[in-house]
Amino acid sequence: LREEALPMILGCDAAGHDEDGNEV
């Protein structure tokens, strides 16, 4: 991670809802 990219939200993995409400 480059310093110029900070502040950076961490996390690679996720599951949730897309813009149409589908589970993804």
PDBML (XML) file of the C-alpha atoms, coordinates in Angstrom:
<?xml version="1.0" encoding="UTF-8" ?>
<PDBx:datablock datablockName="MODEL"
   xmlns:PDBx="http://pdbml.pdb.org/schema/pdbx-v50.xsd"
   xmlns:xsi="http://www.w3.org/2001/XMLSchema-instance"
   xsi:schemaLocation="http://pdbml.pdb.org/schema/pdbx-v50.xsd pdbx-v50.xsd">
   <PDBx:atom_siteCategory>
      <PDBx:atom_site id="1">
         <PDBx:B_iso_or_equiv>0.00</PDBx:B_iso_or_equiv>
         <PDBx:Cartn_x>0.000</PDBx:Cartn_x>
         <PDBx:Cartn_y>0.000</PDBx:Cartn_y>
         <PDBx:Cartn_z>0.000</PDBx:Cartn_z>
         <PDBx:auth_asym_id>A</PDBx:auth_asym_id>
         <PDBx:auth_atom_id>CA</PDBx:auth_atom_id>
         <PDBx:auth_comp_id>LEU</PDBx:auth_comp_id>
         <PDBx:auth_seq_id>1</PDBx:auth_seq_id>
         <PDBx:group_PDB>ATOM</PDBx:group_PDB>
         <PDBx:label_alt_id xsi:nil="true" />
         <PDBx:label_asym_id>A</PDBx:label_asym_id>
         <PDBx:label_atom_id>CA</PDBx:label_atom_id>
         <PDBx:label_comp_id>LEU</PDBx:label_comp_id>
         <PDBx:label_entity_id>1</PDBx:label_entity_id>
         <PDBx:label_seq_id>1</PDBx:label_seq_id>
         <PDBx:occupancy>1.00</PDBx:occupancy>
         <PDBx:pdbx_PDB_model_num>1</PDBx:pdbx_PDB_model_num>
         <PDBx:type_symbol>C</PDBx:type_symbol>
      </PDBx:atom_site>
      <PDBx:atom_site id="2">
         <PDBx:B_iso_or_equiv>0.00</PDBx:B_iso_or_equiv>
         <PDBx:Cartn_x>1.434</PDBx:Cartn_x>
         <PDBx:Cartn_y>3.338</PDBx:Cartn_y>
         <PDBx:Cartn_z>-1.082</PDBx:Cartn_z>
         <PDBx:auth_asym_id>A</PDBx:auth_asym_id>
         <PDBx:auth_atom_id>CA</PDBx:auth_atom_id>
         <PDBx:auth_comp_id>ARG</PDBx:auth_comp_id>
         <PDBx:auth_seq_id>2</PDBx:auth_seq_id>
         <PDBx:group_PDB>ATOM</PDBx:group_PDB>
         <PDBx:label_alt_id xsi:nil="true" />
         <PDBx:label_asym_id>A</PDBx:label_asym_id>
         <PDBx:label_atom_id>CA</PDBx:label_atom_id>
         <PDBx:label_comp_id>ARG</PDBx:label_comp_id>
         <PDBx:label_entity_id>1</PDBx:label_entity_id>
         <PDBx:label_seq_id>2</PDBx:label_seq_id>
         <PDBx:occupancy>1.00</PDBx:occupancy>
         <PDBx:pdbx_PDB_model_num>1</PDBx:pdbx_PDB_model_num>
         <PDBx:type_symbol>C</PDBx:type_symbol>
      </PDBx:atom_site>
      <PDBx:atom_site id="3">
         <PDBx:B_iso_or_equiv>0.00</PDBx:B_iso_or_equiv>
         <PDBx:Cartn_x>1.468</PDBx:Cartn_x>
         <PDBx:Cartn_y>6.246</PDBx:Cartn_y>
         <PDBx:Cartn_z>1.334</PDBx:Cartn_z>
         <PDBx:auth_asym_id>A</PDBx:auth_asym_id>
         <PDBx:auth_atom_id>CA</PDBx:auth_atom_id>
         <PDBx:auth_comp_id>GLU</PDBx:auth_comp_id>
         <PDBx:auth_seq_id>3</PDBx:auth_seq_id>
         <PDBx:group_PDB>ATOM</PDBx:group_PDB>
         <PDBx:label_alt_id xsi:nil="true" />
         <PDBx:label_asym_id>A</PDBx:label_asym_id>
         <PDBx:label_atom_id>CA</PDBx:label_atom_id>
         <PDBx:label_comp_id>GLU</PDBx:label_comp_id>
         <PDBx:label_entity_id>1</PDBx:label_entity_id>
         <PDBx:label_seq_id>3</PDBx:label_seq_id>
         <PDBx:occupancy>1.00</PDBx:occupancy>
         <PDBx:pdbx_PDB_model_num>1</PDBx:pdbx_PDB_model_num>
         <PDBx:type_symbol>C</PDBx:type_symbol>
      </PDBx:atom_site>
      <PDBx:atom_site id="4">
         <PDBx:B_iso_or_equiv>0.00</PDBx:B_iso_or_equiv>
         <PDBx:Cartn_x>-0.092</PDBx:Cartn_x>
         <PDBx:Cartn_y>8.538</PDBx:Cartn_y>
         <PDBx:Cartn_z>-1.269</PDBx:Cartn_z>
         <PDBx:auth_asym_id>A</PDBx:auth_asym_id>
         <PDBx:auth_atom_id>CA</PDBx:auth_atom_id>
         <PDBx:auth_comp_id>GLU</PDBx:auth_comp_id>
         <PDBx:auth_seq_id>4</PDBx:auth_seq_id>
         <PDBx:group_PDB>ATOM</PDBx:group_PDB>
         <PDBx:label_alt_id xsi:nil="true" />
         <PDBx:label_asym_id>A</PDBx:label_asym_id>
         <PDBx:label_atom_id>CA</PDBx:label_atom_id>
         <PDBx:label_comp_id>GLU</PDBx:label_comp_id>
         <PDBx:label_entity_id>1</PDBx:label_entity_id>
         <PDBx:label_seq_id>4</PDBx:label_seq_id>
         <PDBx:occupancy>1.00</PDBx:occupancy>
         <PDBx:pdbx_PDB_model_num>1</PDBx:pdbx_PDB_model_num>
         <PDBx:type_symbol>C</PDBx:type_symbol>
      </PDBx:atom_site>
      <PDBx:atom_site id="5">
         <PDBx:B_iso_or_equiv>0.00</PDBx:B_iso_or_equiv>
         <PDBx:Cartn_x>-3.160</PDBx:Cartn_x>
         <PDBx:Cartn_y>6.235</PDBx:Cartn_y>
         <PDBx:Cartn_z>-1.325</PDBx:Cartn_z>
         <PDBx:auth_asym_id>A</PDBx:auth_asym_id>
         <PDBx:auth_atom_id>CA</PDBx:auth_atom_id>
         <PDBx:auth_comp_id>ALA</PDBx:auth_comp_id>
         <PDBx:auth_seq_id>5</PDBx:auth_seq_id>
         <PDBx:group_PDB>ATOM</PDBx:group_PDB>
         <PDBx:label_alt_id xsi:nil="true" />
         <PDBx:label_asym_id>A</PDBx:label_asym_id>
         <PDBx:label_atom_id>CA</PDBx:label_atom_id>
         <PDBx:label_comp_id>ALA</PDBx:label_comp_id>
         <PDBx:label_entity_id>1</PDBx:label_entity_id>
         <PDBx:label_seq_id>5</PDBx:label_seq_id>
         <PDBx:occupancy>1.00</PDBx:occupancy>
         <PDBx:pdbx_PDB_model_num>1</PDBx:pdbx_PDB_model_num>
         <PDBx:type_symbol>C</PDBx:type_symbol>
      </PDBx:atom_site>
      <PDBx:atom_site id="6">
         <PDBx:B_iso_or_equiv>0.00</PDBx:B_iso_or_equiv>
         <PDBx:Cartn_x>-3.928</PDBx:Cartn_x>
         <PDBx:Cartn_y>6.977</PDBx:Cartn_y>
         <PDBx:Cartn_z>2.347</PDBx:Cartn_z>
         <PDBx:auth_asym_id>A</PDBx:auth_asym_id>
         <PDBx:auth_atom_id>CA</PDBx:auth_atom_id>
         <PDBx:auth_comp_id>LEU</PDBx:auth_comp_id>
         <PDBx:auth_seq_id>6</PDBx:auth_seq_id>
         <PDBx:group_PDB>ATOM</PDBx:group_PDB>
         <PDBx:label_alt_id xsi:nil="true" />
         <PDBx:label_asym_id>A</PDBx:label_asym_id>
         <PDBx:label_atom_id>CA</PDBx:label_atom_id>
         <PDBx:label_comp_id>LEU</PDBx:label_comp_id>
         <PDBx:label_entity_id>1</PDBx:label_entity_id>
         <PDBx:label_seq_id>6</PDBx:label_seq_id>
         <PDBx:occupancy>1.00</PDBx:occupancy>
         <PDBx:pdbx_PDB_model_num>1</PDBx:pdbx_PDB_model_num>
         <PDBx:type_symbol>C</PDBx:type_symbol>
      </PDBx:atom_site>
      <PDBx:atom_site id="7">
         <PDBx:B_iso_or_equiv>0.00</PDBx:B_iso_or_equiv>
         <PDBx:Cartn_x>-6.387</PDBx:Cartn_x>
         <PDBx:Cartn_y>7.129</PDBx:Cartn_y>
         <PDBx:Cartn_z>3.957</PDBx:Cartn_z>
         <PDBx:auth_asym_id>A</PDBx:auth_asym_id>
         <PDBx:auth_atom_id>CA</PDBx:auth_atom_id>
         <PDBx:auth_comp_id>PRO</PDBx:auth_comp_id>
         <PDBx:auth_seq_id>7</PDBx:auth_seq_id>
         <PDBx:group_PDB>ATOM</PDBx:group_PDB>
         <PDBx:label_alt_id xsi:nil="true" />
         <PDBx:label_asym_id>A</PDBx:label_asym_id>
         <PDBx:label_atom_id>CA</PDBx:label_atom_id>
         <PDBx:label_comp_id>PRO</PDBx:label_comp_id>
         <PDBx:label_entity_id>1</PDBx:label_entity_id>
         <PDBx:label_seq_id>7</PDBx:label_seq_id>
         <PDBx:occupancy>1.00</PDBx:occupancy>
         <PDBx:pdbx_PDB_model_num>1</PDBx:pdbx_PDB_model_num>
         <PDBx:type_symbol>C</PDBx:type_symbol>
      </PDBx:atom_site>
      <PDBx:atom_site id="8">
         <PDBx:B_iso_or_equiv>0.00</PDBx:B_iso_or_equiv>
         <PDBx:Cartn_x>-7.403</PDBx:Cartn_x>
         <PDBx:Cartn_y>3.699</PDBx:Cartn_y>
         <PDBx:Cartn_z>2.626</PDBx:Cartn_z>
         <PDBx:auth_asym_id>A</PDBx:auth_asym_id>
         <PDBx:auth_atom_id>CA</PDBx:auth_atom_id>
         <PDBx:auth_comp_id>MET</PDBx:auth_comp_id>
         <PDBx:auth_seq_id>8</PDBx:auth_seq_id>
         <PDBx:group_PDB>ATOM</PDBx:group_PDB>
         <PDBx:label_alt_id xsi:nil="true" />
         <PDBx:label_asym_id>A</PDBx:label_asym_id>
         <PDBx:label_atom_id>CA</PDBx:label_atom_id>
         <PDBx:label_comp_id>MET</PDBx:label_comp_id>
         <PDBx:label_entity_id>1</PDBx:label_entity_id>
         <PDBx:label_seq_id>8</PDBx:label_seq_id>
         <PDBx:occupancy>1.00</PDBx:occupancy>
         <PDBx:pdbx_PDB_model_num>1</PDBx:pdbx_PDB_model_num>
         <PDBx:type_symbol>C</PDBx:type_symbol>
      </PDBx:atom_site>
      <PDBx:atom_site id="9">
         <PDBx:B_iso_or_equiv>0.00</PDBx:B_iso_or_equiv>
         <PDBx:Cartn_x>-10.442</PDBx:Cartn_x>
         <PDBx:Cartn_y>1.675</PDBx:Cartn_y>
         <PDBx:Cartn_z>3.633</PDBx:Cartn_z>
         <PDBx:auth_asym_id>A</PDBx:auth_asym_id>
         <PDBx:auth_atom_id>CA</PDBx:auth_atom_id>
         <PDBx:auth_comp_id>ILE</PDBx:auth_comp_id>
         <PDBx:auth_seq_id>9</PDBx:auth_seq_id>
         <PDBx:group_PDB>ATOM</PDBx:group_PDB>
         <PDBx:label_alt_id xsi:nil="true" />
         <PDBx:label_asym_id>A</PDBx:label_asym_id>
         <PDBx:label_atom_id>CA</PDBx:label_atom_id>
         <PDBx:label_comp_id>ILE</PDBx:label_comp_id>
         <PDBx:label_entity_id>1</PDBx:label_entity_id>
         <PDBx:label_seq_id>9</PDBx:label_seq_id>
         <PDBx:occupancy>1.00</PDBx:occupancy>
         <PDBx:pdbx_PDB_model_num>1</PDBx:pdbx_PDB_model_num>
         <PDBx:type_symbol>C</PDBx:type_symbol>
      </PDBx:atom_site>
      <PDBx:atom_site id="10">
         <PDBx:B_iso_or_equiv>0.00</PDBx:B_iso_or_equiv>
         <PDBx:Cartn_x>-9.200</PDBx:Cartn_x>
         <PDBx:Cartn_y>-1.839</PDBx:Cartn_y>
         <PDBx:Cartn_z>4.346</PDBx:Cartn_z>
         <PDBx:auth_asym_id>A</PDBx:auth_asym_id>
         <PDBx:auth_atom_id>CA</PDBx:auth_atom_id>
         <PDBx:auth_comp_id>LEU</PDBx:auth_comp_id>
         <PDBx:auth_seq_id>10</PDBx:auth_seq_id>
         <PDBx:group_PDB>ATOM</PDBx:group_PDB>
         <PDBx:label_alt_id xsi:nil="true" />
         <PDBx:label_asym_id>A</PDBx:label_asym_id>
         <PDBx:label_atom_id>CA</PDBx:label_atom_id>
         <PDBx:label_comp_id>LEU</PDBx:label_comp_id>
         <PDBx:label_entity_id>1</PDBx:label_entity_id>
         <PDBx:label_seq_id>10</PDBx:label_seq_id>
         <PDBx:occupancy>1.00</PDBx:occupancy>
         <PDBx:pdbx_PDB_model_num>1</PDBx:pdbx_PDB_model_num>
         <PDBx:type_symbol>C</PDBx:type_symbol>
      </PDBx:atom_site>
      <PDBx:atom_site id="11">
         <PDBx:B_iso_or_equiv>0.00</PDBx:B_iso_or_equiv>
         <PDBx:Cartn_x>-10.756</PDBx:Cartn_x>
         <PDBx:Cartn_y>-5.163</PDBx:Cartn_y>
         <PDBx:Cartn_z>3.389</PDBx:Cartn_z>
         <PDBx:auth_asym_id>A</PDBx:auth_asym_id>
         <PDBx:auth_atom_id>CA</PDBx:auth_atom_id>
         <PDBx:auth_comp_id>GLY</PDBx:auth_comp_id>
         <PDBx:auth_seq_id>11</PDBx:auth_seq_id>
         <PDBx:group_PDB>ATOM</PDBx:group_PDB>
         <PDBx:label_alt_id xsi:nil="true" />
         <PDBx:label_asym_id>A</PDBx:label_asym_id>
         <PDBx:label_atom_id>CA</PDBx:label_atom_id>
         <PDBx:label_comp_id>GLY</PDBx:label_comp_id>
         <PDBx:label_entity_id>1</PDBx:label_entity_id>
         <PDBx:label_seq_id>11</PDBx:label_seq_id>
         <PDBx:occupancy>1.00</PDBx:occupancy>
         <PDBx:pdbx_PDB_model_num>1</PDBx:pdbx_PDB_model_num>
         <PDBx:type_symbol>C</PDBx:type_symbol>
      </PDBx:atom_site>
      <PDBx:atom_site id="12">
         <PDBx:B_iso_or_equiv>0.00</PDBx:B_iso_or_equiv>
         <PDBx:Cartn_x>-10.712</PDBx:Cartn_x>
         <PDBx:Cartn_y>-7.372</PDBx:Cartn_y>
         <PDBx:Cartn_z>0.292</PDBx:Cartn_z>
         <PDBx:auth_asym_id>A</PDBx:auth_asym_id>
         <PDBx:auth_atom_id>CA</PDBx:auth_atom_id>
         <PDBx:auth_comp_id>CYS</PDBx:auth_comp_id>
         <PDBx:auth_seq_id>12</PDBx:auth_seq_id>
         <PDBx:group_PDB>ATOM</PDBx:group_PDB>
         <PDBx:label_alt_id xsi:nil="true" />
         <PDBx:label_asym_id>A</PDBx:label_asym_id>
         <PDBx:label_atom_id>CA</PDBx:label_atom_id>
         <PDBx:label_comp_id>CYS</PDBx:label_comp_id>
         <PDBx:label_entity_id>1</PDBx:label_entity_id>
         <PDBx:label_seq_id>12</PDBx:label_seq_id>
         <PDBx:occupancy>1.00</PDBx:occupancy>
         <PDBx:pdbx_PDB_model_num>1</PDBx:pdbx_PDB_model_num>
         <PDBx:type_symbol>C</PDBx:type_symbol>
      </PDBx:atom_site>
      <PDBx:atom_site id="13">
         <PDBx:B_iso_or_equiv>0.00</PDBx:B_iso_or_equiv>
         <PDBx:Cartn_x>-13.698</PDBx:Cartn_x>
         <PDBx:Cartn_y>-9.630</PDBx:Cartn_y>
         <PDBx:Cartn_z>0.956</PDBx:Cartn_z>
         <PDBx:auth_asym_id>A</PDBx:auth_asym_id>
         <PDBx:auth_atom_id>CA</PDBx:auth_atom_id>
         <PDBx:auth_comp_id>ASP</PDBx:auth_comp_id>
         <PDBx:auth_seq_id>13</PDBx:auth_seq_id>
         <PDBx:group_PDB>ATOM</PDBx:group_PDB>
         <PDBx:label_alt_id xsi:nil="true" />
         <PDBx:label_asym_id>A</PDBx:label_asym_id>
         <PDBx:label_atom_id>CA</PDBx:label_atom_id>
         <PDBx:label_comp_id>ASP</PDBx:label_comp_id>
         <PDBx:label_entity_id>1</PDBx:label_entity_id>
         <PDBx:label_seq_id>13</PDBx:label_seq_id>
         <PDBx:occupancy>1.00</PDBx:occupancy>
         <PDBx:pdbx_PDB_model_num>1</PDBx:pdbx_PDB_model_num>
         <PDBx:type_symbol>C</PDBx:type_symbol>
      </PDBx:atom_site>
      <PDBx:atom_site id="14">
         <PDBx:B_iso_or_equiv>0.00</PDBx:B_iso_or_equiv>
         <PDBx:Cartn_x>-17.392</PDBx:Cartn_x>
         <PDBx:Cartn_y>-8.852</PDBx:Cartn_y>
         <PDBx:Cartn_z>1.140</PDBx:Cartn_z>
         <PDBx:auth_asym_id>A</PDBx:auth_asym_id>
         <PDBx:auth_atom_id>CA</PDBx:auth_atom_id>
         <PDBx:auth_comp_id>ALA</PDBx:auth_comp_id>
         <PDBx:auth_seq_id>14</PDBx:auth_seq_id>
         <PDBx:group_PDB>ATOM</PDBx:group_PDB>
         <PDBx:label_alt_id xsi:nil="true" />
         <PDBx:label_asym_id>A</PDBx:label_asym_id>
         <PDBx:label_atom_id>CA</PDBx:label_atom_id>
         <PDBx:label_comp_id>ALA</PDBx:label_comp_id>
         <PDBx:label_entity_id>1</PDBx:label_entity_id>
         <PDBx:label_seq_id>14</PDBx:label_seq_id>
         <PDBx:occupancy>1.00</PDBx:occupancy>
         <PDBx:pdbx_PDB_model_num>1</PDBx:pdbx_PDB_model_num>
         <PDBx:type_symbol>C</PDBx:type_symbol>
      </PDBx:atom_site>
      <PDBx:atom_site id="15">
         <PDBx:B_iso_or_equiv>0.00</PDBx:B_iso_or_equiv>
         <PDBx:Cartn_x>-20.879</PDBx:Cartn_x>
         <PDBx:Cartn_y>-10.139</PDBx:Cartn_y>
         <PDBx:Cartn_z>0.528</PDBx:Cartn_z>
         <PDBx:auth_asym_id>A</PDBx:auth_asym_id>
         <PDBx:auth_atom_id>CA</PDBx:auth_atom_id>
         <PDBx:auth_comp_id>ALA</PDBx:auth_comp_id>
         <PDBx:auth_seq_id>15</PDBx:auth_seq_id>
         <PDBx:group_PDB>ATOM</PDBx:group_PDB>
         <PDBx:label_alt_id xsi:nil="true" />
         <PDBx:label_asym_id>A</PDBx:label_asym_id>
         <PDBx:label_atom_id>CA</PDBx:label_atom_id>
         <PDBx:label_comp_id>ALA</PDBx:label_comp_id>
         <PDBx:label_entity_id>1</PDBx:label_entity_id>
         <PDBx:label_seq_id>15</PDBx:label_seq_id>
         <PDBx:occupancy>1.00</PDBx:occupancy>
         <PDBx:pdbx_PDB_model_num>1</PDBx:pdbx_PDB_model_num>
         <PDBx:type_symbol>C</PDBx:type_symbol>
      </PDBx:atom_site>
      <PDBx:atom_site id="16">
         <PDBx:B_iso_or_equiv>0.00</PDBx:B_iso_or_equiv>
         <PDBx:Cartn_x>-23.995</PDBx:Cartn_x>
         <PDBx:Cartn_y>-8.008</PDBx:Cartn_y>
         <PDBx:Cartn_z>0.341</PDBx:Cartn_z>
         <PDBx:auth_asym_id>A</PDBx:auth_asym_id>
         <PDBx:auth_atom_id>CA</PDBx:auth_atom_id>
         <PDBx:auth_comp_id>GLY</PDBx:auth_comp_id>
         <PDBx:auth_seq_id>16</PDBx:auth_seq_id>
         <PDBx:group_PDB>ATOM</PDBx:group_PDB>
         <PDBx:label_alt_id xsi:nil="true" />
         <PDBx:label_asym_id>A</PDBx:label_asym_id>
         <PDBx:label_atom_id>CA</PDBx:label_atom_id>
         <PDBx:label_comp_id>GLY</PDBx:label_comp_id>
         <PDBx:label_entity_id>1</PDBx:label_entity_id>
         <PDBx:label_seq_id>16</PDBx:label_seq_id>
         <PDBx:occupancy>1.00</PDBx:occupancy>
         <PDBx:pdbx_PDB_model_num>1</PDBx:pdbx_PDB_model_num>
         <PDBx:type_symbol>C</PDBx:type_symbol>
      </PDBx:atom_site>
      <PDBx:atom_site id="17">
         <PDBx:B_iso_or_equiv>0.00</PDBx:B_iso_or_equiv>
         <PDBx:Cartn_x>-26.620</PDBx:Cartn_x>
         <PDBx:Cartn_y>-6.586</PDBx:Cartn_y>
         <PDBx:Cartn_z>-1.980</PDBx:Cartn_z>
         <PDBx:auth_asym_id>A</PDBx:auth_asym_id>
         <PDBx:auth_atom_id>CA</PDBx:auth_atom_id>
         <PDBx:auth_comp_id>HIS</PDBx:auth_comp_id>
         <PDBx:auth_seq_id>17</PDBx:auth_seq_id>
         <PDBx:group_PDB>ATOM</PDBx:group_PDB>
         <PDBx:label_alt_id xsi:nil="true" />
         <PDBx:label_asym_id>A</PDBx:label_asym_id>
         <PDBx:label_atom_id>CA</PDBx:label_atom_id>
         <PDBx:label_comp_id>HIS</PDBx:label_comp_id>
         <PDBx:label_entity_id>1</PDBx:label_entity_id>
         <PDBx:label_seq_id>17</PDBx:label_seq_id>
         <PDBx:occupancy>1.00</PDBx:occupancy>
         <PDBx:pdbx_PDB_model_num>1</PDBx:pdbx_PDB_model_num>
         <PDBx:type_symbol>C</PDBx:type_symbol>
      </PDBx:atom_site>
      <PDBx:atom_site id="18">
         <PDBx:B_iso_or_equiv>0.00</PDBx:B_iso_or_equiv>
         <PDBx:Cartn_x>-26.038</PDBx:Cartn_x>
         <PDBx:Cartn_y>-5.083</PDBx:Cartn_y>
         <PDBx:Cartn_z>-5.425</PDBx:Cartn_z>
         <PDBx:auth_asym_id>A</PDBx:auth_asym_id>
         <PDBx:auth_atom_id>CA</PDBx:auth_atom_id>
         <PDBx:auth_comp_id>ASP</PDBx:auth_comp_id>
         <PDBx:auth_seq_id>18</PDBx:auth_seq_id>
         <PDBx:group_PDB>ATOM</PDBx:group_PDB>
         <PDBx:label_alt_id xsi:nil="true" />
         <PDBx:label_asym_id>A</PDBx:label_asym_id>
         <PDBx:label_atom_id>CA</PDBx:label_atom_id>
         <PDBx:label_comp_id>ASP</PDBx:label_comp_id>
         <PDBx:label_entity_id>1</PDBx:label_entity_id>
         <PDBx:label_seq_id>18</PDBx:label_seq_id>
         <PDBx:occupancy>1.00</PDBx:occupancy>
         <PDBx:pdbx_PDB_model_num>1</PDBx:pdbx_PDB_model_num>
         <PDBx:type_symbol>C</PDBx:type_symbol>
      </PDBx:atom_site>
      <PDBx:atom_site id="19">
         <PDBx:B_iso_or_equiv>0.00</PDBx:B_iso_or_equiv>
         <PDBx:Cartn_x>-27.882</PDBx:Cartn_x>
         <PDBx:Cartn_y>-2.017</PDBx:Cartn_y>
         <PDBx:Cartn_z>-6.648</PDBx:Cartn_z>
         <PDBx:auth_asym_id>A</PDBx:auth_asym_id>
         <PDBx:auth_atom_id>CA</PDBx:auth_atom_id>
         <PDBx:auth_comp_id>GLU</PDBx:auth_comp_id>
         <PDBx:auth_seq_id>19</PDBx:auth_seq_id>
         <PDBx:group_PDB>ATOM</PDBx:group_PDB>
         <PDBx:label_alt_id xsi:nil="true" />
         <PDBx:label_asym_id>A</PDBx:label_asym_id>
         <PDBx:label_atom_id>CA</PDBx:label_atom_id>
         <PDBx:label_comp_id>GLU</PDBx:label_comp_id>
         <PDBx:label_entity_id>1</PDBx:label_entity_id>
         <PDBx:label_seq_id>19</PDBx:label_seq_id>
         <PDBx:occupancy>1.00</PDBx:occupancy>
         <PDBx:pdbx_PDB_model_num>1</PDBx:pdbx_PDB_model_num>
         <PDBx:type_symbol>C</PDBx:type_symbol>
      </PDBx:atom_site>
      <PDBx:atom_site id="20">
         <PDBx:B_iso_or_equiv>0.00</PDBx:B_iso_or_equiv>
         <PDBx:Cartn_x>-30.880</PDBx:Cartn_x>
         <PDBx:Cartn_y>-4.181</PDBx:Cartn_y>
         <PDBx:Cartn_z>-7.678</PDBx:Cartn_z>
         <PDBx:auth_asym_id>A</PDBx:auth_asym_id>
         <PDBx:auth_atom_id>CA</PDBx:auth_atom_id>
         <PDBx:auth_comp_id>ASP</PDBx:auth_comp_id>
         <PDBx:auth_seq_id>20</PDBx:auth_seq_id>
         <PDBx:group_PDB>ATOM</PDBx:group_PDB>
         <PDBx:label_alt_id xsi:nil="true" />
         <PDBx:label_asym_id>A</PDBx:label_asym_id>
         <PDBx:label_atom_id>CA</PDBx:label_atom_id>
         <PDBx:label_comp_id>ASP</PDBx:label_comp_id>
         <PDBx:label_entity_id>1</PDBx:label_entity_id>
         <PDBx:label_seq_id>20</PDBx:label_seq_id>
         <PDBx:occupancy>1.00</PDBx:occupancy>
         <PDBx:pdbx_PDB_model_num>1</PDBx:pdbx_PDB_model_num>
         <PDBx:type_symbol>C</PDBx:type_symbol>
      </PDBx:atom_site>
      <PDBx:atom_site id="21">
         <PDBx:B_iso_or_equiv>0.00</PDBx:B_iso_or_equiv>
         <PDBx:Cartn_x>-31.086</PDBx:Cartn_x>
         <PDBx:Cartn_y>-5.892</PDBx:Cartn_y>
         <PDBx:Cartn_z>-4.297</PDBx:Cartn_z>
         <PDBx:auth_asym_id>A</PDBx:auth_asym_id>
         <PDBx:auth_atom_id>CA</PDBx:auth_atom_id>
         <PDBx:auth_comp_id>GLY</PDBx:auth_comp_id>
         <PDBx:auth_seq_id>21</PDBx:auth_seq_id>
         <PDBx:group_PDB>ATOM</PDBx:group_PDB>
         <PDBx:label_alt_id xsi:nil="true" />
         <PDBx:label_asym_id>A</PDBx:label_asym_id>
         <PDBx:label_atom_id>CA</PDBx:label_atom_id>
         <PDBx:label_comp_id>GLY</PDBx:label_comp_id>
         <PDBx:label_entity_id>1</PDBx:label_entity_id>
         <PDBx:label_seq_id>21</PDBx:label_seq_id>
         <PDBx:occupancy>1.00</PDBx:occupancy>
         <PDBx:pdbx_PDB_model_num>1</PDBx:pdbx_PDB_model_num>
         <PDBx:type_symbol>C</PDBx:type_symbol>
      </PDBx:atom_site>
      <PDBx:atom_site id="22">
         <PDBx:B_iso_or_equiv>0.00</PDBx:B_iso_or_equiv>
         <PDBx:Cartn_x>-29.548</PDBx:Cartn_x>
         <PDBx:Cartn_y>-9.178</PDBx:Cartn_y>
         <PDBx:Cartn_z>-5.444</PDBx:Cartn_z>
         <PDBx:auth_asym_id>A</PDBx:auth_asym_id>
         <PDBx:auth_atom_id>CA</PDBx:auth_atom_id>
         <PDBx:auth_comp_id>ASN</PDBx:auth_comp_id>
         <PDBx:auth_seq_id>22</PDBx:auth_seq_id>
         <PDBx:group_PDB>ATOM</PDBx:group_PDB>
         <PDBx:label_alt_id xsi:nil="true" />
         <PDBx:label_asym_id>A</PDBx:label_asym_id>
         <PDBx:label_atom_id>CA</PDBx:label_atom_id>
         <PDBx:label_comp_id>ASN</PDBx:label_comp_id>
         <PDBx:label_entity_id>1</PDBx:label_entity_id>
         <PDBx:label_seq_id>22</PDBx:label_seq_id>
         <PDBx:occupancy>1.00</PDBx:occupancy>
         <PDBx:pdbx_PDB_model_num>1</PDBx:pdbx_PDB_model_num>
         <PDBx:type_symbol>C</PDBx:type_symbol>
      </PDBx:atom_site>
      <PDBx:atom_site id="23">
         <PDBx:B_iso_or_equiv>0.00</PDBx:B_iso_or_equiv>
         <PDBx:Cartn_x>-27.391</PDBx:Cartn_x>
         <PDBx:Cartn_y>-11.124</PDBx:Cartn_y>
         <PDBx:Cartn_z>-2.979</PDBx:Cartn_z>
         <PDBx:auth_asym_id>A</PDBx:auth_asym_id>
         <PDBx:auth_atom_id>CA</PDBx:auth_atom_id>
         <PDBx:auth_comp_id>GLU</PDBx:auth_comp_id>
         <PDBx:auth_seq_id>23</PDBx:auth_seq_id>
         <PDBx:group_PDB>ATOM</PDBx:group_PDB>
         <PDBx:label_alt_id xsi:nil="true" />
         <PDBx:label_asym_id>A</PDBx:label_asym_id>
         <PDBx:label_atom_id>CA</PDBx:label_atom_id>
         <PDBx:label_comp_id>GLU</PDBx:label_comp_id>
         <PDBx:label_entity_id>1</PDBx:label_entity_id>
         <PDBx:label_seq_id>23</PDBx:label_seq_id>
         <PDBx:occupancy>1.00</PDBx:occupancy>
         <PDBx:pdbx_PDB_model_num>1</PDBx:pdbx_PDB_model_num>
         <PDBx:type_symbol>C</PDBx:type_symbol>
      </PDBx:atom_site>
      <PDBx:atom_site id="24">
         <PDBx:B_iso_or_equiv>0.00</PDBx:B_iso_or_equiv>
         <PDBx:Cartn_x>-23.807</PDBx:Cartn_x>
         <PDBx:Cartn_y>-11.132</PDBx:Cartn_y>
         <PDBx:Cartn_z>-4.268</PDBx:Cartn_z>
         <PDBx:auth_asym_id>A</PDBx:auth_asym_id>
         <PDBx:auth_atom_id>CA</PDBx:auth_atom_id>
         <PDBx:auth_comp_id>VAL</PDBx:auth_comp_id>
         <PDBx:auth_seq_id>24</PDBx:auth_seq_id>
         <PDBx:group_PDB>ATOM</PDBx:group_PDB>
         <PDBx:label_alt_id xsi:nil="true" />
         <PDBx:label_asym_id>A</PDBx:label_asym_id>
         <PDBx:label_atom_id>CA</PDBx:label_atom_id>
         <PDBx:label_comp_id>VAL</PDBx:label_comp_id>
         <PDBx:label_entity_id>1</PDBx:label_entity_id>
         <PDBx:label_seq_id>24</PDBx:label_seq_id>
         <PDBx:occupancy>1.00</PDBx:occupancy>
         <PDBx:pdbx_PDB_model_num>1</PDBx:pdbx_PDB_model_num>
         <PDBx:type_symbol>C</PDBx:type_symbol>
      </PDBx:atom_site>
   </PDBx:atom_siteCategory>
</PDBx:datablock>
